[in-house]
């Protein structure tokens, strides 16, 4: 499994979800996100993370609770820039960000 620059950030997210603010976020959002993060090129050596905002957890690996609500595919550098506010997600989408969703209104 590839080592990602994003690994530390996702560990911090996991910790944040244990705080009062993280628990409030979990209660408010209630969705499961799958992040497929590639070191350099989408679809190559991707590492999967699940951000479970139903249970308040971040898991490295496949989701075992059915289908996630939203699936994003990022290059590692792009994910870091979006997560730290250095890149607008619309710019990433135009570059190569991919997503799919099971959310219906």
PDB file of N, CA and C in Angstrom:
ATOM      1  N   UNK A   1       0.847  -1.177   0.000  1.00  0.00           N
ATOM      2  CA  UNK A   1       0.000   0.000   0.000  1.00  0.00           C
ATOM      3  C   UNK A   1       0.893   1.241   0.000  1.00  0.00           C
ATOM      4  N   UNK A   2       0.556   2.189  -0.836  1.00  0.00           N
ATOM      5  CA  UNK A   2       1.364   3.391  -0.990  1.00  0.00           C
ATOM      6  C   UNK A   2       1.289   4.272   0.259  1.00  0.00           C
ATOM      7  N   UNK A   3       2.377   4.947   0.539  1.00  0.00           N
ATOM      8  CA  UNK A   3       2.433   5.936   1.612  1.00  0.00           C
ATOM      9  C   UNK A   3       1.967   7.263   1.029  1.00  0.00           C
ATOM     10  N   UNK A   4       1.030   7.911   1.693  1.00  0.00           N
ATOM     11  CA  UNK A   4       0.473   9.163   1.195  1.00  0.00           C
ATOM     12  C   UNK A   4       0.835  10.332   2.099  1.00  0.00           C
ATOM     13  N   UNK A   5       0.954  11.504   1.490  1.00  0.00           N
ATOM     14  CA  UNK A   5       1.132  12.730   2.273  1.00  0.00           C
ATOM     15  C   UNK A   5      -0.123  12.988   3.108  1.00  0.00           C
ATOM     16  N   UNK A   6      -1.264  12.533   2.620  1.00  0.00           N
ATOM     17  CA  UNK A   6      -2.560  12.761   3.276  1.00  0.00           C
ATOM     18  C   UNK A   6      -2.785  11.888   4.509  1.00  0.00           C
ATOM     19  N   UNK A   7      -1.983  10.848   4.705  1.00  0.00           N
ATOM     20  CA  UNK A   7      -2.197   9.924   5.823  1.00  0.00           C
ATOM     21  C   UNK A   7      -2.281  10.653   7.166  1.00  0.00           C
ATOM     22  N   UNK A   8      -1.355  11.584   7.426  1.00  0.00           N
ATOM     23  CA  UNK A   8      -1.355  12.297   8.709  1.00  0.00           C
ATOM     24  C   UNK A   8      -2.606  13.152   8.879  1.00  0.00           C
ATOM     25  N   UNK A   9      -3.024  13.815   7.815  1.00  0.00           N
ATOM     26  CA  UNK A   9      -4.224  14.646   7.873  1.00  0.00           C
ATOM     27  C   UNK A   9      -5.459  13.797   8.198  1.00  0.00           C
ATOM     28  N   UNK A  10      -5.553  12.638   7.595  1.00  0.00           N
ATOM     29  CA  UNK A  10      -6.699  11.767   7.847  1.00  0.00           C
ATOM     30  C   UNK A  10      -6.670  11.204   9.268  1.00  0.00           C
ATOM     31  N   UNK A  11      -5.487  10.989   9.819  1.00  0.00           N
ATOM     32  CA  UNK A  11      -5.384  10.585  11.229  1.00  0.00           C
ATOM     33  C   UNK A  11      -5.864  11.717  12.134  1.00  0.00           C
ATOM     34  N   UNK A  12      -5.534  12.970  11.771  1.00  0.00           N
ATOM     35  CA  UNK A  12      -6.014  14.115  12.546  1.00  0.00           C
ATOM     36  C   UNK A  12      -7.537  14.228  12.454  1.00  0.00           C
ATOM     37  N   UNK A  13      -8.099  13.936  11.277  1.00  0.00           N
ATOM     38  CA  UNK A  13      -9.561  13.942  11.129  1.00  0.00           C
ATOM     39  C   UNK A  13     -10.186  12.903  12.055  1.00  0.00           C
ATOM     40  N   UNK A  14      -9.570  11.730  12.105  1.00  0.00           N
ATOM     41  CA  UNK A  14     -10.078  10.660  12.970  1.00  0.00           C
ATOM     42  C   UNK A  14     -10.117  11.129  14.424  1.00  0.00           C
ATOM     43  N   UNK A  15      -9.033  11.770  14.858  1.00  0.00           N
ATOM     44  CA  UNK A  15      -8.986  12.288  16.228  1.00  0.00           C
ATOM     45  C   UNK A  15     -10.055  13.364  16.427  1.00  0.00           C
ATOM     46  N   UNK A  16     -10.186  14.270  15.458  1.00  0.00           N
ATOM     47  CA  UNK A  16     -11.162  15.363  15.572  1.00  0.00           C
ATOM     48  C   UNK A  16     -12.579  14.825  15.776  1.00  0.00           C
ATOM     49  N   UNK A  17     -12.908  13.733  15.134  1.00  0.00           N
ATOM     50  CA  UNK A  17     -14.259  13.183  15.253  1.00  0.00           C
ATOM     51  C   UNK A  17     -14.567  12.661  16.652  1.00  0.00           C
ATOM     52  N   UNK A  18     -13.540  12.494  17.499  1.00  0.00           N
ATOM     53  CA  UNK A  18     -13.764  12.069  18.886  1.00  0.00           C
ATOM     54  C   UNK A  18     -14.040  13.257  19.807  1.00  0.00           C
ATOM     55  N   UNK A  19     -13.821  14.487  19.322  1.00  0.00           N
ATOM     56  CA  UNK A  19     -14.047  15.686  20.133  1.00  0.00           C
ATOM     57  C   UNK A  19     -15.526  16.067  20.095  1.00  0.00           C
ATOM     58  N   UNK A  20     -15.916  16.999  20.956  1.00  0.00           N
ATOM     59  CA  UNK A  20     -17.307  17.466  20.953  1.00  0.00           C
ATOM     60  C   UNK A  20     -17.688  18.061  19.599  1.00  0.00           C
ATOM     61  N   UNK A  21     -16.786  18.844  19.009  1.00  0.00           N
ATOM     62  CA  UNK A  21     -17.053  19.439  17.691  1.00  0.00           C
ATOM     63  C   UNK A  21     -17.205  18.349  16.634  1.00  0.00           C
ATOM     64  N   UNK A  22     -16.386  17.317  16.711  1.00  0.00           N
ATOM     65  CA  UNK A  22     -16.474  16.204  15.769  1.00  0.00           C
ATOM     66  C   UNK A  22     -17.763  15.421  15.926  1.00  0.00           C
ATOM     67  N   UNK A  23     -18.184  15.228  17.168  1.00  0.00           N
ATOM     68  CA  UNK A  23     -19.447  14.519  17.420  1.00  0.00           C
ATOM     69  C   UNK A  23     -20.635  15.323  16.892  1.00  0.00           C
ATOM     70  N   UNK A  24     -20.562  16.638  17.020  1.00  0.00           N
ATOM     71  CA  UNK A  24     -21.620  17.507  16.487  1.00  0.00           C
ATOM     72  C   UNK A  24     -21.662  17.416  14.963  1.00  0.00           C
ATOM     73  N   UNK A  25     -20.490  17.396  14.336  1.00  0.00           N
ATOM     74  CA  UNK A  25     -20.394  17.261  12.879  1.00  0.00           C
ATOM     75  C   UNK A  25     -21.011  15.935  12.426  1.00  0.00           C
ATOM     76  N   UNK A  26     -20.697  14.873  13.138  1.00  0.00           N
ATOM     77  CA  UNK A  26     -21.241  13.552  12.824  1.00  0.00           C
ATOM     78  C   UNK A  26     -22.767  13.569  12.897  1.00  0.00           C
ATOM     79  N   UNK A  27     -23.291  14.161  13.970  1.00  0.00           N
ATOM     80  CA  UNK A  27     -24.739  14.230  14.158  1.00  0.00           C
ATOM     81  C   UNK A  27     -25.400  15.065  13.050  1.00  0.00           C
ATOM     82  N   UNK A  28     -24.738  16.126  12.643  1.00  0.00           N
ATOM     83  CA  UNK A  28     -25.291  17.059  11.659  1.00  0.00           C
ATOM     84  C   UNK A  28     -25.270  16.498  10.235  1.00  0.00           C
ATOM     85  N   UNK A  29     -24.189  15.798   9.853  1.00  0.00           N
ATOM     86  CA  UNK A  29     -24.022  15.371   8.462  1.00  0.00           C
ATOM     87  C   UNK A  29     -24.577  13.974   8.212  1.00  0.00           C
ATOM     88  N   UNK A  30     -24.163  12.998   8.980  1.00  0.00           N
ATOM     89  CA  UNK A  30     -24.735  11.657   8.876  1.00  0.00           C
ATOM     90  C   UNK A  30     -24.550  10.938   7.550  1.00  0.00           C
ATOM     91  N   UNK A  31     -23.449  11.164   6.868  1.00  0.00           N
ATOM     92  CA  UNK A  31     -23.161  10.500   5.592  1.00  0.00           C
ATOM     93  C   UNK A  31     -21.837   9.757   5.673  1.00  0.00           C
ATOM     94  N   UNK A  32     -21.634   8.835   4.735  1.00  0.00           N
ATOM     95  CA  UNK A  32     -20.376   8.093   4.648  1.00  0.00           C
ATOM     96  C   UNK A  32     -19.689   8.471   3.337  1.00  0.00           C
ATOM     97  N   UNK A  33     -18.448   8.935   3.453  1.00  0.00           N
ATOM     98  CA  UNK A  33     -17.643   9.339   2.301  1.00  0.00           C
ATOM     99  C   UNK A  33     -16.514   8.341   2.092  1.00  0.00           C
ATOM    100  N   UNK A  34     -16.304   7.950   0.862  1.00  0.00           N
ATOM    101  CA  UNK A  34     -15.147   7.128   0.510  1.00  0.00           C
ATOM    102  C   UNK A  34     -14.189   8.003  -0.276  1.00  0.00           C
ATOM    103  N   UNK A  35     -12.935   8.035   0.159  1.00  0.00           N
ATOM    104  CA  UNK A  35     -11.892   8.769  -0.546  1.00  0.00           C
ATOM    105  C   UNK A  35     -10.929   7.765  -1.152  1.00  0.00           C
ATOM    106  N   UNK A  36     -10.775   7.788  -2.454  1.00  0.00           N
ATOM    107  CA  UNK A  36      -9.757   6.993  -3.135  1.00  0.00           C
ATOM    108  C   UNK A  36      -8.641   7.974  -3.473  1.00  0.00           C
ATOM    109  N   UNK A  37      -7.505   7.816  -2.809  1.00  0.00           N
ATOM    110  CA  UNK A  37      -6.420   8.782  -2.965  1.00  0.00           C
ATOM    111  C   UNK A  37      -5.239   8.101  -3.639  1.00  0.00           C
ATOM    112  N   UNK A  38      -4.829   8.665  -4.764  1.00  0.00           N
ATOM    113  CA  UNK A  38      -3.727   8.115  -5.553  1.00  0.00           C
ATOM    114  C   UNK A  38      -2.475   8.956  -5.332  1.00  0.00           C
ATOM    115  N   UNK A  39      -1.324   8.304  -5.169  1.00  0.00           N
ATOM    116  CA  UNK A  39      -0.085   9.060  -4.978  1.00  0.00           C
ATOM    117  C   UNK A  39       0.200  10.037  -6.123  1.00  0.00           C
ATOM    118  N   UNK A  40       0.004   9.609  -7.358  1.00  0.00           N
ATOM    119  CA  UNK A  40       0.343  10.459  -8.510  1.00  0.00           C
ATOM    120  C   UNK A  40      -0.761  10.516  -9.562  1.00  0.00           C
ATOM    121  N   UNK A  41      -1.309   9.354  -9.935  1.00  0.00           N
ATOM    122  CA  UNK A  41      -2.257   9.276 -11.043  1.00  0.00           C
ATOM    123  C   UNK A  41      -3.515   8.535 -10.592  1.00  0.00           C
ATOM    124  N   UNK A  42      -4.683   9.128 -10.881  1.00  0.00           N
ATOM    125  CA  UNK A  42      -5.944   8.485 -10.503  1.00  0.00           C
ATOM    126  C   UNK A  42      -6.016   7.071 -11.061  1.00  0.00           C
ATOM    127  N   UNK A  43      -6.476   6.154 -10.208  1.00  0.00           N
ATOM    128  CA  UNK A  43      -6.631   4.769 -10.624  1.00  0.00           C
ATOM    129  C   UNK A  43      -5.397   3.908 -10.439  1.00  0.00           C
ATOM    130  N   UNK A  44      -4.280   4.516 -10.043  1.00  0.00           N
ATOM    131  CA  UNK A  44      -3.029   3.773  -9.881  1.00  0.00           C
ATOM    132  C   UNK A  44      -2.596   3.831  -8.414  1.00  0.00           C
ATOM    133  N   UNK A  45      -2.443   2.665  -7.794  1.00  0.00           N
ATOM    134  CA  UNK A  45      -1.998   2.548  -6.399  1.00  0.00           C
ATOM    135  C   UNK A  45      -2.850   3.360  -5.425  1.00  0.00           C
ATOM    136  N   UNK A  46      -4.152   3.430  -5.669  1.00  0.00           N
ATOM    137  CA  UNK A  46      -5.028   4.217  -4.800  1.00  0.00           C
ATOM    138  C   UNK A  46      -5.153   3.586  -3.414  1.00  0.00           C
ATOM    139  N   UNK A  47      -5.221   4.454  -2.418  1.00  0.00           N
ATOM    140  CA  UNK A  47      -5.471   4.050  -1.038  1.00  0.00           C
ATOM    141  C   UNK A  47      -6.882   4.531  -0.704  1.00  0.00           C
ATOM    142  N   UNK A  48      -7.678   3.666  -0.105  1.00  0.00           N
ATOM    143  CA  UNK A  48      -9.063   4.001   0.215  1.00  0.00           C
ATOM    144  C   UNK A  48      -9.196   4.358   1.689  1.00  0.00           C
ATOM    145  N   UNK A  49      -9.854   5.472   1.936  1.00  0.00           N
ATOM    146  CA  UNK A  49     -10.224   5.890   3.286  1.00  0.00           C
ATOM    147  C   UNK A  49     -11.734   6.051   3.327  1.00  0.00           C
ATOM    148  N   UNK A  50     -12.322   5.700   4.457  1.00  0.00           N
ATOM    149  CA  UNK A  50     -13.741   5.922   4.697  1.00  0.00           C
ATOM    150  C   UNK A  50     -13.855   6.964   5.803  1.00  0.00           C
ATOM    151  N   UNK A  51     -14.564   8.051   5.511  1.00  0.00           N
ATOM    152  CA  UNK A  51     -14.895   9.036   6.538  1.00  0.00           C
ATOM    153  C   UNK A  51     -16.365   8.791   6.857  1.00  0.00           C
ATOM    154  N   UNK A  52     -16.588   8.133   7.978  1.00  0.00           N
ATOM    155  CA  UNK A  52     -17.925   7.696   8.368  1.00  0.00           C
ATOM    156  C   UNK A  52     -18.530   8.730   9.316  1.00  0.00           C
ATOM    157  N   UNK A  53     -19.338   9.620   8.748  1.00  0.00           N
ATOM    158  CA  UNK A  53     -19.983  10.642   9.560  1.00  0.00           C
ATOM    159  C   UNK A  53     -21.364  10.191  10.035  1.00  0.00           C
ATOM    160  N   UNK A  54     -21.570   8.879  10.053  1.00  0.00           N
ATOM    161  CA  UNK A  54     -22.713   8.285  10.750  1.00  0.00           C
ATOM    162  C   UNK A  54     -22.229   7.786  12.111  1.00  0.00           C
ATOM    163  N   UNK A  55     -21.029   7.189  12.113  1.00  0.00           N
ATOM    164  CA  UNK A  55     -20.462   6.619  13.340  1.00  0.00           C
ATOM    165  C   UNK A  55     -19.365   7.488  13.944  1.00  0.00           C
ATOM    166  N   UNK A  56     -18.847   8.470  13.183  1.00  0.00           N
ATOM    167  CA  UNK A  56     -17.786   9.327  13.699  1.00  0.00           C
ATOM    168  C   UNK A  56     -16.431   8.658  13.680  1.00  0.00           C
ATOM    169  N   UNK A  57     -16.040   8.123  12.530  1.00  0.00           N
ATOM    170  CA  UNK A  57     -14.766   7.411  12.441  1.00  0.00           C
ATOM    171  C   UNK A  57     -14.137   7.608  11.066  1.00  0.00           C
ATOM    172  N   UNK A  58     -12.825   7.436  11.015  1.00  0.00           N
ATOM    173  CA  UNK A  58     -12.071   7.426   9.759  1.00  0.00           C
ATOM    174  C   UNK A  58     -11.349   6.089   9.708  1.00  0.00           C
ATOM    175  N   UNK A  59     -11.561   5.351   8.621  1.00  0.00           N
ATOM    176  CA  UNK A  59     -11.012   4.003   8.481  1.00  0.00           C
ATOM    177  C   UNK A  59     -10.194   3.929   7.205  1.00  0.00           C
ATOM    178  N   UNK A  60      -9.018   3.343   7.293  1.00  0.00           N
ATOM    179  CA  UNK A  60      -8.212   3.089   6.098  1.00  0.00           C
ATOM    180  C   UNK A  60      -8.617   1.718   5.586  1.00  0.00           C
ATOM    181  N   UNK A  61      -9.175   1.670   4.394  1.00  0.00           N
ATOM    182  CA  UNK A  61      -9.642   0.408   3.831  1.00  0.00           C
ATOM    183  C   UNK A  61     -11.062   0.539   3.318  1.00  0.00           C
ATOM    184  N   UNK A  62     -11.590  -0.561   2.846  1.00  0.00           N
ATOM    185  CA  UNK A  62     -12.922  -0.582   2.239  1.00  0.00           C
ATOM    186  C   UNK A  62     -14.022  -0.429   3.292  1.00  0.00           C
ATOM    187  N   UNK A  63     -15.134   0.133   2.886  1.00  0.00           N
ATOM    188  CA  UNK A  63     -16.305   0.303   3.743  1.00  0.00           C
ATOM    189  C   UNK A  63     -17.043  -1.025   3.838  1.00  0.00           C
ATOM    190  N   UNK A  64     -17.332  -1.445   5.053  1.00  0.00           N
ATOM    191  CA  UNK A  64     -17.995  -2.728   5.257  1.00  0.00           C
ATOM    192  C   UNK A  64     -19.465  -2.576   5.616  1.00  0.00           C
ATOM    193  N   UNK A  65     -19.992  -1.353   5.549  1.00  0.00           N
ATOM    194  CA  UNK A  65     -21.377  -1.123   5.935  1.00  0.00           C
ATOM    195  C   UNK A  65     -22.308  -0.916   4.756  1.00  0.00           C
ATOM    196  N   UNK A  66     -21.992  -1.503   3.625  1.00  0.00           N
ATOM    197  CA  UNK A  66     -22.800  -1.297   2.421  1.00  0.00           C
ATOM    198  C   UNK A  66     -22.079  -0.378   1.450  1.00  0.00           C
ATOM    199  N   UNK A  67     -22.843   0.484   0.788  1.00  0.00           N
ATOM    200  CA  UNK A  67     -22.254   1.438  -0.152  1.00  0.00           C
ATOM    201  C   UNK A  67     -22.098   2.792   0.520  1.00  0.00           C
ATOM    202  N   UNK A  68     -20.958   3.453   0.336  1.00  0.00           N
ATOM    203  CA  UNK A  68     -20.831   4.811   0.868  1.00  0.00           C
ATOM    204  C   UNK A  68     -21.789   5.752   0.128  1.00  0.00           C
ATOM    205  N   UNK A  69     -22.131   6.864   0.775  1.00  0.00           N
ATOM    206  CA  UNK A  69     -23.036   7.836   0.157  1.00  0.00           C
ATOM    207  C   UNK A  69     -22.371   8.600  -0.982  1.00  0.00           C
ATOM    208  N   UNK A  70     -21.090   8.898  -0.817  1.00  0.00           N
ATOM    209  CA  UNK A  70     -20.344   9.657  -1.828  1.00  0.00           C
ATOM    210  C   UNK A  70     -18.957   9.048  -1.966  1.00  0.00           C
ATOM    211  N   UNK A  71     -18.478   8.945  -3.198  1.00  0.00           N
ATOM    212  CA  UNK A  71     -17.124   8.448  -3.466  1.00  0.00           C
ATOM    213  C   UNK A  71     -16.366   9.532  -4.217  1.00  0.00           C
ATOM    214  N   UNK A  72     -15.203   9.911  -3.677  1.00  0.00           N
ATOM    215  CA  UNK A  72     -14.323  10.872  -4.327  1.00  0.00           C
ATOM    216  C   UNK A  72     -13.025  10.180  -4.697  1.00  0.00           C
ATOM    217  N   UNK A  73     -12.451  10.545  -5.822  1.00  0.00           N
ATOM    218  CA  UNK A  73     -11.110  10.091  -6.201  1.00  0.00           C
ATOM    219  C   UNK A  73     -10.241  11.323  -6.391  1.00  0.00           C
ATOM    220  N   UNK A  74      -9.126  11.357  -5.673  1.00  0.00           N
ATOM    221  CA  UNK A  74      -8.211  12.491  -5.683  1.00  0.00           C
ATOM    222  C   UNK A  74      -6.792  12.030  -5.960  1.00  0.00           C
ATOM    223  N   UNK A  75      -5.984  12.920  -6.477  1.00  0.00           N
ATOM    224  CA  UNK A  75      -4.536  12.751  -6.389  1.00  0.00           C
ATOM    225  C   UNK A  75      -4.152  13.277  -5.009  1.00  0.00           C
ATOM    226  N   UNK A  76      -3.149  12.688  -4.405  1.00  0.00           N
ATOM    227  CA  UNK A  76      -2.741  13.009  -3.040  1.00  0.00           C
ATOM    228  C   UNK A  76      -2.511  14.511  -2.849  1.00  0.00           C
ATOM    229  N   UNK A  77      -1.738  15.124  -3.726  1.00  0.00           N
ATOM    230  CA  UNK A  77      -1.443  16.554  -3.590  1.00  0.00           C
ATOM    231  C   UNK A  77      -2.711  17.397  -3.668  1.00  0.00           C
ATOM    232  N   UNK A  78      -3.622  17.046  -4.571  1.00  0.00           N
ATOM    233  CA  UNK A  78      -4.871  17.801  -4.708  1.00  0.00           C
ATOM    234  C   UNK A  78      -5.726  17.683  -3.449  1.00  0.00           C
ATOM    235  N   UNK A  79      -5.826  16.476  -2.887  1.00  0.00           N
ATOM    236  CA  UNK A  79      -6.616  16.305  -1.666  1.00  0.00           C
ATOM    237  C   UNK A  79      -6.057  17.172  -0.545  1.00  0.00           C
ATOM    238  N   UNK A  80      -4.741  17.157  -0.373  1.00  0.00           N
ATOM    239  CA  UNK A  80      -4.127  17.975   0.676  1.00  0.00           C
ATOM    240  C   UNK A  80      -4.426  19.452   0.471  1.00  0.00           C
ATOM    241  N   UNK A  81      -4.320  19.924  -0.762  1.00  0.00           N
ATOM    242  CA  UNK A  81      -4.568  21.341  -1.040  1.00  0.00           C
ATOM    243  C   UNK A  81      -6.026  21.714  -0.790  1.00  0.00           C
ATOM    244  N   UNK A  82      -6.958  20.845  -1.146  1.00  0.00           N
ATOM    245  CA  UNK A  82      -8.379  21.118  -0.896  1.00  0.00           C
ATOM    246  C   UNK A  82      -8.655  21.101   0.607  1.00  0.00           C
ATOM    247  N   UNK A  83      -8.164  20.079   1.290  1.00  0.00           N
ATOM    248  CA  UNK A  83      -8.434  19.909   2.720  1.00  0.00           C
ATOM    249  C   UNK A  83      -7.836  21.028   3.564  1.00  0.00           C
ATOM    250  N   UNK A  84      -6.763  21.641   3.092  1.00  0.00           N
ATOM    251  CA  UNK A  84      -6.128  22.726   3.843  1.00  0.00           C
ATOM    252  C   UNK A  84      -6.539  24.100   3.320  1.00  0.00           C
ATOM    253  N   UNK A  85      -7.493  24.137   2.386  1.00  0.00           N
ATOM    254  CA  UNK A  85      -8.016  25.401   1.884  1.00  0.00           C
ATOM    255  C   UNK A  85      -7.147  26.109   0.870  1.00  0.00           C
ATOM    256  N   UNK A  86      -6.152  25.418   0.333  1.00  0.00           N
ATOM    257  CA  UNK A  86      -5.243  26.038  -0.638  1.00  0.00           C
ATOM    258  C   UNK A  86      -5.737  25.898  -2.072  1.00  0.00           C
ATOM    259  N   UNK A  87      -6.734  25.029  -2.302  1.00  0.00           N
ATOM    260  CA  UNK A  87      -7.276  24.850  -3.648  1.00  0.00           C
ATOM    261  C   UNK A  87      -8.802  24.806  -3.572  1.00  0.00           C
ATOM    262  N   UNK A  88      -9.435  25.487  -4.496  1.00  0.00           N
ATOM    263  CA  UNK A  88     -10.880  25.448  -4.627  1.00  0.00           C
ATOM    264  C   UNK A  88     -11.262  24.083  -5.214  1.00  0.00           C
ATOM    265  N   UNK A  89     -12.232  23.376  -4.620  1.00  0.00           N
ATOM    266  CA  UNK A  89     -12.624  22.070  -5.165  1.00  0.00           C
ATOM    267  C   UNK A  89     -13.044  22.111  -6.637  1.00  0.00           C
ATOM    268  N   UNK A  90     -13.589  23.240  -7.095  1.00  0.00           N
ATOM    269  CA  UNK A  90     -13.966  23.355  -8.508  1.00  0.00           C
ATOM    270  C   UNK A  90     -12.743  23.262  -9.406  1.00  0.00           C
ATOM    271  N   UNK A  91     -11.627  23.826  -8.962  1.00  0.00           N
ATOM    272  CA  UNK A  91     -10.381  23.748  -9.731  1.00  0.00           C
ATOM    273  C   UNK A  91      -9.926  22.293  -9.801  1.00  0.00           C
ATOM    274  N   UNK A  92     -10.001  21.585  -8.677  1.00  0.00           N
ATOM    275  CA  UNK A  92      -9.602  20.171  -8.655  1.00  0.00           C
ATOM    276  C   UNK A  92     -10.490  19.354  -9.583  1.00  0.00           C
ATOM    277  N   UNK A  93     -11.793  19.642  -9.583  1.00  0.00           N
ATOM    278  CA  UNK A  93     -12.714  18.910 -10.452  1.00  0.00           C
ATOM    279  C   UNK A  93     -12.329  19.115 -11.913  1.00  0.00           C
ATOM    280  N   UNK A  94     -11.944  20.315 -12.259  1.00  0.00           N
ATOM    281  CA  UNK A  94     -11.544  20.596 -13.636  1.00  0.00           C
ATOM    282  C   UNK A  94     -10.222  19.911 -13.974  1.00  0.00           C
ATOM    283  N   UNK A  95      -9.381  19.680 -12.955  1.00  0.00           N
ATOM    284  CA  UNK A  95      -8.088  19.026 -13.188  1.00  0.00           C
ATOM    285  C   UNK A  95      -8.249  17.525 -13.344  1.00  0.00           C
ATOM    286  N   UNK A  96      -8.885  16.856 -12.392  1.00  0.00           N
ATOM    287  CA  UNK A  96      -9.047  15.400 -12.465  1.00  0.00           C
ATOM    288  C   UNK A  96      -9.854  14.808 -11.337  1.00  0.00           C
ATOM    289  N   UNK A  97     -10.342  15.590 -10.408  1.00  0.00           N
ATOM    290  CA  UNK A  97     -11.142  15.040  -9.318  1.00  0.00           C
ATOM    291  C   UNK A  97     -12.331  14.282  -9.896  1.00  0.00           C
ATOM    292  N   UNK A  98     -12.622  13.115  -9.334  1.00  0.00           N
ATOM    293  CA  UNK A  98     -13.781  12.337  -9.763  1.00  0.00           C
ATOM    294  C   UNK A  98     -14.653  12.063  -8.546  1.00  0.00           C
ATOM    295  N   UNK A  99     -15.968  12.014  -8.764  1.00  0.00           N
ATOM    296  CA  UNK A  99     -16.850  11.644  -7.662  1.00  0.00           C
ATOM    297  C   UNK A  99     -18.107  10.978  -8.185  1.00  0.00           C
ATOM    298  N   UNK A 100     -18.733  10.212  -7.304  1.00  0.00           N
ATOM    299  CA  UNK A 100     -20.049   9.652  -7.582  1.00  0.00           C
ATOM    300  C   UNK A 100     -20.833   9.719  -6.282  1.00  0.00           C
ATOM    301  N   UNK A 101     -22.155   9.707  -6.388  1.00  0.00           N
ATOM    302  CA  UNK A 101     -22.982   9.884  -5.202  1.00  0.00           C
ATOM    303  C   UNK A 101     -24.206   8.982  -5.249  1.00  0.00           C
ATOM    304  N   UNK A 102     -24.619   8.537  -4.085  1.00  0.00           N
ATOM    305  CA  UNK A 102     -25.846   7.761  -3.931  1.00  0.00           C
ATOM    306  C   UNK A 102     -26.892   8.576  -3.184  1.00  0.00           C
ATOM    307  N   UNK A 103     -26.683   9.886  -3.063  1.00  0.00           N
ATOM    308  CA  UNK A 103     -27.606  10.744  -2.327  1.00  0.00           C
ATOM    309  C   UNK A 103     -28.732  11.166  -3.261  1.00  0.00           C
ATOM    310  N   UNK A 104     -29.954  10.972  -2.807  1.00  0.00           N
ATOM    311  CA  UNK A 104     -31.126  11.361  -3.592  1.00  0.00           C
ATOM    312  C   UNK A 104     -31.957  12.319  -2.760  1.00  0.00           C
ATOM    313  N   UNK A 105     -32.463  13.369  -3.399  1.00  0.00           N
ATOM    314  CA  UNK A 105     -33.279  14.329  -2.639  1.00  0.00           C
ATOM    315  C   UNK A 105     -34.733  13.964  -2.647  1.00  0.00           C
TER     316      UNK A 105
END
